[in-house]
């Protein structure tokens, strides 16, 4: 597959960084970390997927090392997470807020990952893999950092399947139907967010392979 010259708007990437940093910061506050701990959790959440995508899968320099905007965005999200967590009444409300924030950050990172993989000239299965890893990688690192089993590996609300479908939908709309990439990226993010909110609202869940 030929490398692509198109680049998604930086706003999508920055919003994804901010959303995942806010999510990680809220988890750090919930775990009763100090300021440094909350910031580290926010940073791992927001750049973890990108580090795996670029440093491991694509063998290139991660943008966090070349883009000076990332760390200020993470810092602002960390402060907002602390302020927001203090205004929430319970750990349950914090958990719900984390779920909602993740519902935006996950598809945004997945779509960015798909575009990065396309630009690297990977075949479609590789593109899907990179997109999925970019979407969930930060959450996996966040959960490991706070010593919790990664959400993606546990029975619970649909996550991995939705991320894979979001990546496939984006490829179908852009490569298959030839629709403009930037608007379709926002469409996929909005659709994922809507479906994810429905799974949270109605508590739709996967089940263990071995019940009981």
C-alpha atoms as a PDB file:
ATOM      1  CA  UNK A   1       0.000   0.000   0.000  1.00  0.00           C
ATOM      2  CA  UNK A   2       1.400   3.370  -0.939  1.00  0.00           C
ATOM      3  CA  UNK A   3       2.250   5.807   1.786  1.00  0.00           C
ATOM      4  CA  UNK A   4      -0.320   8.507   2.371  1.00  0.00           C
ATOM      5  CA  UNK A   5       0.433  12.195   2.409  1.00  0.00           C
ATOM      6  CA  UNK A   6      -2.740  13.193   4.235  1.00  0.00           C
ATOM      7  CA  UNK A   7      -2.495  14.131   7.884  1.00  0.00           C
ATOM      8  CA  UNK A   8      -5.402  14.405  10.301  1.00  0.00           C
ATOM      9  CA  UNK A   9      -5.933  17.764  11.992  1.00  0.00           C
ATOM     10  CA  UNK A  10      -3.679  18.265  15.003  1.00  0.00           C
ATOM     11  CA  UNK A  11      -6.800  19.153  16.971  1.00  0.00           C
ATOM     12  CA  UNK A  12      -7.850  15.498  16.933  1.00  0.00           C
ATOM     13  CA  UNK A  13      -4.467  14.350  18.215  1.00  0.00           C
ATOM     14  CA  UNK A  14      -4.334  17.058  20.886  1.00  0.00           C
ATOM     15  CA  UNK A  15      -7.870  16.335  22.066  1.00  0.00           C
ATOM     16  CA  UNK A  16      -7.021  12.643  22.304  1.00  0.00           C
ATOM     17  CA  UNK A  17      -3.906  13.456  24.356  1.00  0.00           C
ATOM     18  CA  UNK A  18      -5.934  15.729  26.628  1.00  0.00           C
ATOM     19  CA  UNK A  19      -8.761  13.199  27.061  1.00  0.00           C
ATOM     20  CA  UNK A  20      -6.450  10.330  27.975  1.00  0.00           C
ATOM     21  CA  UNK A  21      -4.382  12.545  30.276  1.00  0.00           C
ATOM     22  CA  UNK A  22      -7.564  13.657  32.038  1.00  0.00           C
ATOM     23  CA  UNK A  23      -8.665  10.043  32.344  1.00  0.00           C
ATOM     24  CA  UNK A  24      -5.313   8.954  33.751  1.00  0.00           C
ATOM     25  CA  UNK A  25      -5.228  11.896  36.125  1.00  0.00           C
ATOM     26  CA  UNK A  26      -8.650  10.995  37.501  1.00  0.00           C
ATOM     27  CA  UNK A  27      -7.512   7.416  38.056  1.00  0.00           C
ATOM     28  CA  UNK A  28      -4.410   8.691  39.846  1.00  0.00           C
ATOM     29  CA  UNK A  29      -6.519  10.866  42.123  1.00  0.00           C
ATOM     30  CA  UNK A  30      -8.870   7.957  42.798  1.00  0.00           C
ATOM     31  CA  UNK A  31      -5.818   5.892  43.813  1.00  0.00           C
ATOM     32  CA  UNK A  32      -4.838   8.706  46.224  1.00  0.00           C
ATOM     33  CA  UNK A  33      -1.514   9.434  44.509  1.00  0.00           C
ATOM     34  CA  UNK A  34       0.363  12.663  45.185  1.00  0.00           C
ATOM     35  CA  UNK A  35       0.799  15.366  42.529  1.00  0.00           C
ATOM     36  CA  UNK A  36       3.761  13.642  40.877  1.00  0.00           C
ATOM     37  CA  UNK A  37       1.935  10.320  40.858  1.00  0.00           C
ATOM     38  CA  UNK A  38      -1.170  11.847  39.284  1.00  0.00           C
ATOM     39  CA  UNK A  39       0.939  13.528  36.591  1.00  0.00           C
ATOM     40  CA  UNK A  40       2.830  10.315  35.812  1.00  0.00           C
ATOM     41  CA  UNK A  41      -0.438   8.395  35.543  1.00  0.00           C
ATOM     42  CA  UNK A  42      -1.833  11.078  33.236  1.00  0.00           C
ATOM     43  CA  UNK A  43       1.301  11.025  31.090  1.00  0.00           C
ATOM     44  CA  UNK A  44       1.389   7.219  30.822  1.00  0.00           C
ATOM     45  CA  UNK A  45      -2.276   7.169  29.815  1.00  0.00           C
ATOM     46  CA  UNK A  46      -1.958   9.886  27.194  1.00  0.00           C
ATOM     47  CA  UNK A  47       1.288   8.914  25.469  1.00  0.00           C
ATOM     48  CA  UNK A  48       1.393   5.191  26.218  1.00  0.00           C
ATOM     49  CA  UNK A  49      -0.482   4.136  23.096  1.00  0.00           C
ATOM     50  CA  UNK A  50       1.660   6.425  20.941  1.00  0.00           C
ATOM     51  CA  UNK A  51       4.872   5.088  22.456  1.00  0.00           C
ATOM     52  CA  UNK A  52       3.849   1.508  21.691  1.00  0.00           C
ATOM     53  CA  UNK A  53       2.655   2.490  18.217  1.00  0.00           C
ATOM     54  CA  UNK A  54       5.764   4.433  17.234  1.00  0.00           C
ATOM     55  CA  UNK A  55       8.577   3.075  19.376  1.00  0.00           C
ATOM     56  CA  UNK A  56       7.646  -0.617  19.172  1.00  0.00           C
ATOM     57  CA  UNK A  57       5.464  -1.285  16.124  1.00  0.00           C
ATOM     58  CA  UNK A  58       6.656   1.350  13.645  1.00  0.00           C
ATOM     59  CA  UNK A  59      10.215   1.921  14.934  1.00  0.00           C
ATOM     60  CA  UNK A  60      10.105   5.705  14.681  1.00  0.00           C
ATOM     61  CA  UNK A  61      10.627   8.606  17.076  1.00  0.00           C
ATOM     62  CA  UNK A  62       7.441   9.159  19.126  1.00  0.00           C
ATOM     63  CA  UNK A  63       5.846  12.610  18.631  1.00  0.00           C
ATOM     64  CA  UNK A  64       6.004  13.289  22.372  1.00  0.00           C
ATOM     65  CA  UNK A  65       9.762  13.732  21.951  1.00  0.00           C
ATOM     66  CA  UNK A  66       9.426  16.165  19.046  1.00  0.00           C
ATOM     67  CA  UNK A  67       6.177  18.039  19.734  1.00  0.00           C
ATOM     68  CA  UNK A  68       6.568  20.603  22.522  1.00  0.00           C
ATOM     69  CA  UNK A  69       2.795  20.939  22.971  1.00  0.00           C
ATOM     70  CA  UNK A  70       2.241  17.503  24.478  1.00  0.00           C
ATOM     71  CA  UNK A  71       3.629  18.047  27.979  1.00  0.00           C
ATOM     72  CA  UNK A  72       1.757  21.356  28.581  1.00  0.00           C
ATOM     73  CA  UNK A  73      -1.471  19.667  27.453  1.00  0.00           C
ATOM     74  CA  UNK A  74      -0.841  16.807  29.884  1.00  0.00           C
ATOM     75  CA  UNK A  75      -0.039  19.259  32.683  1.00  0.00           C
ATOM     76  CA  UNK A  76      -3.279  21.188  32.137  1.00  0.00           C
ATOM     77  CA  UNK A  77      -5.256  17.939  32.070  1.00  0.00           C
ATOM     78  CA  UNK A  78      -3.582  16.856  35.319  1.00  0.00           C
ATOM     79  CA  UNK A  79      -4.609  20.060  37.092  1.00  0.00           C
ATOM     80  CA  UNK A  80      -8.146  19.759  35.709  1.00  0.00           C
ATOM     81  CA  UNK A  81      -8.340  16.130  36.881  1.00  0.00           C
ATOM     82  CA  UNK A  82      -7.409  17.163  40.426  1.00  0.00           C
ATOM     83  CA  UNK A  83      -9.953  19.995  40.473  1.00  0.00           C
ATOM     84  CA  UNK A  84     -12.667  17.832  38.927  1.00  0.00           C
ATOM     85  CA  UNK A  85     -12.063  14.863  41.227  1.00  0.00           C
ATOM     86  CA  UNK A  86     -12.388  17.090  44.298  1.00  0.00           C
ATOM     87  CA  UNK A  87     -15.797  18.241  43.087  1.00  0.00           C
ATOM     88  CA  UNK A  88     -17.122  14.747  42.432  1.00  0.00           C
ATOM     89  CA  UNK A  89     -18.941  13.153  45.349  1.00  0.00           C
ATOM     90  CA  UNK A  90     -17.728   9.573  45.130  1.00  0.00           C
ATOM     91  CA  UNK A  91     -15.298   7.134  43.561  1.00  0.00           C
ATOM     92  CA  UNK A  92     -18.208   5.822  41.499  1.00  0.00           C
ATOM     93  CA  UNK A  93     -18.727   9.241  39.895  1.00  0.00           C
ATOM     94  CA  UNK A  94     -14.999   9.444  39.163  1.00  0.00           C
ATOM     95  CA  UNK A  95     -15.177   6.012  37.523  1.00  0.00           C
ATOM     96  CA  UNK A  96     -18.113   7.075  35.348  1.00  0.00           C
ATOM     97  CA  UNK A  97     -16.273  10.240  34.344  1.00  0.00           C
ATOM     98  CA  UNK A  98     -13.211   8.175  33.401  1.00  0.00           C
ATOM     99  CA  UNK A  99     -15.417   5.938  31.249  1.00  0.00           C
ATOM    100  CA  UNK A 100     -16.907   8.925  29.432  1.00  0.00           C
ATOM    101  CA  UNK A 101     -13.541  10.573  28.827  1.00  0.00           C
ATOM    102  CA  UNK A 102     -12.089   7.287  27.578  1.00  0.00           C
ATOM    103  CA  UNK A 103     -15.022   7.038  25.181  1.00  0.00           C
ATOM    104  CA  UNK A 104     -13.625  10.016  23.284  1.00  0.00           C
ATOM    105  CA  UNK A 105      -9.902   9.447  23.666  1.00  0.00           C
ATOM    106  CA  UNK A 106      -9.936   5.806  22.558  1.00  0.00           C
ATOM    107  CA  UNK A 107     -11.415   6.254  19.042  1.00  0.00           C
ATOM    108  CA  UNK A 108      -9.446   9.462  18.482  1.00  0.00           C
ATOM    109  CA  UNK A 109      -6.163   7.673  19.145  1.00  0.00           C
ATOM    110  CA  UNK A 110      -7.319   4.688  17.086  1.00  0.00           C
ATOM    111  CA  UNK A 111      -8.051   6.859  14.036  1.00  0.00           C
ATOM    112  CA  UNK A 112      -4.725   8.674  14.401  1.00  0.00           C
ATOM    113  CA  UNK A 113      -3.016   5.278  14.644  1.00  0.00           C
ATOM    114  CA  UNK A 114      -4.708   4.107  11.459  1.00  0.00           C
ATOM    115  CA  UNK A 115      -3.490   7.178   9.569  1.00  0.00           C
ATOM    116  CA  UNK A 116       0.065   6.790  10.898  1.00  0.00           C
ATOM    117  CA  UNK A 117       0.070   3.146   9.796  1.00  0.00           C
ATOM    118  CA  UNK A 118      -1.243   4.097   6.356  1.00  0.00           C
ATOM    119  CA  UNK A 119       1.529   6.652   5.980  1.00  0.00           C
ATOM    120  CA  UNK A 120       4.029   3.930   6.903  1.00  0.00           C
ATOM    121  CA  UNK A 121       2.746   1.840   3.995  1.00  0.00           C
ATOM    122  CA  UNK A 122       1.517  -1.117   6.054  1.00  0.00           C
ATOM    123  CA  UNK A 123      -0.978  -3.636   4.618  1.00  0.00           C
ATOM    124  CA  UNK A 124      -4.534  -3.408   5.899  1.00  0.00           C
ATOM    125  CA  UNK A 125      -4.220  -6.078   8.638  1.00  0.00           C
ATOM    126  CA  UNK A 126      -1.207  -4.206   9.999  1.00  0.00           C
ATOM    127  CA  UNK A 127      -3.085  -0.919   9.796  1.00  0.00           C
ATOM    128  CA  UNK A 128      -5.945  -2.378  11.830  1.00  0.00           C
ATOM    129  CA  UNK A 129      -3.524  -3.757  14.409  1.00  0.00           C
ATOM    130  CA  UNK A 130      -1.708  -0.452  14.822  1.00  0.00           C
ATOM    131  CA  UNK A 131      -5.005   1.422  15.116  1.00  0.00           C
ATOM    132  CA  UNK A 132      -6.298  -0.900  17.813  1.00  0.00           C
ATOM    133  CA  UNK A 133      -3.031  -0.820  19.781  1.00  0.00           C
ATOM    134  CA  UNK A 134      -2.928   2.981  19.569  1.00  0.00           C
ATOM    135  CA  UNK A 135      -6.510   3.172  20.803  1.00  0.00           C
ATOM    136  CA  UNK A 136      -6.170   0.942  23.861  1.00  0.00           C
ATOM    137  CA  UNK A 137      -2.429   1.067  24.616  1.00  0.00           C
ATOM    138  CA  UNK A 138      -2.613   4.049  26.962  1.00  0.00           C
ATOM    139  CA  UNK A 139      -5.401   2.455  28.964  1.00  0.00           C
ATOM    140  CA  UNK A 140      -3.465  -0.792  29.304  1.00  0.00           C
ATOM    141  CA  UNK A 141      -0.363   1.025  30.567  1.00  0.00           C
ATOM    142  CA  UNK A 142      -2.490   3.106  32.943  1.00  0.00           C
ATOM    143  CA  UNK A 143      -4.110   0.022  34.454  1.00  0.00           C
ATOM    144  CA  UNK A 144      -0.783  -1.775  34.834  1.00  0.00           C
ATOM    145  CA  UNK A 145       0.755   1.310  36.432  1.00  0.00           C
ATOM    146  CA  UNK A 146      -1.961   1.476  39.086  1.00  0.00           C
ATOM    147  CA  UNK A 147      -1.780  -2.301  39.591  1.00  0.00           C
ATOM    148  CA  UNK A 148      -5.163  -3.184  38.138  1.00  0.00           C
ATOM    149  CA  UNK A 149      -5.898  -5.879  35.521  1.00  0.00           C
ATOM    150  CA  UNK A 150      -6.212  -4.109  32.146  1.00  0.00           C
ATOM    151  CA  UNK A 151      -9.847  -3.423  31.380  1.00  0.00           C
ATOM    152  CA  UNK A 152      -9.497  -4.745  27.848  1.00  0.00           C
ATOM    153  CA  UNK A 153      -8.708  -8.249  29.183  1.00  0.00           C
ATOM    154  CA  UNK A 154     -11.626  -8.533  31.576  1.00  0.00           C
ATOM    155  CA  UNK A 155     -15.316  -9.277  31.114  1.00  0.00           C
ATOM    156  CA  UNK A 156     -17.060  -5.939  31.027  1.00  0.00           C
ATOM    157  CA  UNK A 157     -18.386  -3.282  28.712  1.00  0.00           C
ATOM    158  CA  UNK A 158     -17.462  -3.751  25.076  1.00  0.00           C
ATOM    159  CA  UNK A 159     -14.088  -2.167  24.307  1.00  0.00           C
ATOM    160  CA  UNK A 160     -11.715  -4.112  22.053  1.00  0.00           C
ATOM    161  CA  UNK A 161     -14.483  -5.086  19.620  1.00  0.00           C
ATOM    162  CA  UNK A 162     -15.677  -1.482  19.366  1.00  0.00           C
ATOM    163  CA  UNK A 163     -12.142  -0.204  18.738  1.00  0.00           C
ATOM    164  CA  UNK A 164     -11.596  -2.750  15.950  1.00  0.00           C
ATOM    165  CA  UNK A 165     -14.951  -1.858  14.392  1.00  0.00           C
ATOM    166  CA  UNK A 166     -14.123   1.862  14.589  1.00  0.00           C
ATOM    167  CA  UNK A 167     -10.825   1.303  12.765  1.00  0.00           C
ATOM    168  CA  UNK A 168     -12.511  -0.865  10.128  1.00  0.00           C
ATOM    169  CA  UNK A 169     -15.303   1.687   9.675  1.00  0.00           C
ATOM    170  CA  UNK A 170     -12.821   4.515   9.182  1.00  0.00           C
ATOM    171  CA  UNK A 171     -10.954   2.491   6.545  1.00  0.00           C
ATOM    172  CA  UNK A 172     -14.204   1.564   4.838  1.00  0.00           C
ATOM    173  CA  UNK A 173     -15.415   5.157   4.681  1.00  0.00           C
ATOM    174  CA  UNK A 174     -12.107   6.630   3.508  1.00  0.00           C
ATOM    175  CA  UNK A 175     -10.367   3.961   1.433  1.00  0.00           C
ATOM    176  CA  UNK A 176     -13.463   2.008   0.422  1.00  0.00           C
ATOM    177  CA  UNK A 177     -15.887   4.843  -0.334  1.00  0.00           C
ATOM    178  CA  UNK A 178     -13.319   7.580  -0.919  1.00  0.00           C
ATOM    179  CA  UNK A 179     -14.907   9.989   1.547  1.00  0.00           C
ATOM    180  CA  UNK A 180     -12.775  12.858   2.946  1.00  0.00           C
ATOM    181  CA  UNK A 181     -10.622  11.717   5.847  1.00  0.00           C
ATOM    182  CA  UNK A 182     -10.901  14.615   8.292  1.00  0.00           C
ATOM    183  CA  UNK A 183     -14.736  14.690   8.466  1.00  0.00           C
ATOM    184  CA  UNK A 184     -14.882  10.877   8.575  1.00  0.00           C
ATOM    185  CA  UNK A 185     -12.451  10.849  11.505  1.00  0.00           C
ATOM    186  CA  UNK A 186     -14.824  13.006  13.530  1.00  0.00           C
ATOM    187  CA  UNK A 187     -17.798  10.888  12.409  1.00  0.00           C
ATOM    188  CA  UNK A 188     -16.111   7.692  13.609  1.00  0.00           C
ATOM    189  CA  UNK A 189     -15.142   9.296  16.927  1.00  0.00           C
ATOM    190  CA  UNK A 190     -18.724  10.527  17.446  1.00  0.00           C
ATOM    191  CA  UNK A 191     -20.236   7.137  16.567  1.00  0.00           C
ATOM    192  CA  UNK A 192     -17.874   5.289  18.892  1.00  0.00           C
ATOM    193  CA  UNK A 193     -18.646   7.740  21.682  1.00  0.00           C
ATOM    194  CA  UNK A 194     -22.401   7.281  21.188  1.00  0.00           C
ATOM    195  CA  UNK A 195     -22.203   3.484  21.187  1.00  0.00           C
ATOM    196  CA  UNK A 196     -19.852   3.430  24.171  1.00  0.00           C
ATOM    197  CA  UNK A 197     -22.203   5.697  26.131  1.00  0.00           C
ATOM    198  CA  UNK A 198     -25.042   3.293  25.346  1.00  0.00           C
ATOM    199  CA  UNK A 199     -23.025   0.339  26.664  1.00  0.00           C
ATOM    200  CA  UNK A 200     -22.387   2.308  29.869  1.00  0.00           C
ATOM    201  CA  UNK A 201     -25.992   3.485  30.160  1.00  0.00           C
ATOM    202  CA  UNK A 202     -27.531   0.036  29.657  1.00  0.00           C
ATOM    203  CA  UNK A 203     -24.601  -1.919  31.112  1.00  0.00           C
ATOM    204  CA  UNK A 204     -24.072  -4.116  28.058  1.00  0.00           C
ATOM    205  CA  UNK A 205     -21.202  -6.477  28.937  1.00  0.00           C
ATOM    206  CA  UNK A 206     -19.093  -9.275  27.594  1.00  0.00           C
ATOM    207  CA  UNK A 207     -19.032 -12.557  29.478  1.00  0.00           C
ATOM    208  CA  UNK A 208     -16.195 -14.779  30.774  1.00  0.00           C
ATOM    209  CA  UNK A 209     -15.208 -17.670  28.521  1.00  0.00           C
ATOM    210  CA  UNK A 210     -15.502 -20.018  31.493  1.00  0.00           C
ATOM    211  CA  UNK A 211     -18.507 -19.010  33.626  1.00  0.00           C
ATOM    212  CA  UNK A 212     -18.967 -19.724  37.291  1.00  0.00           C
END
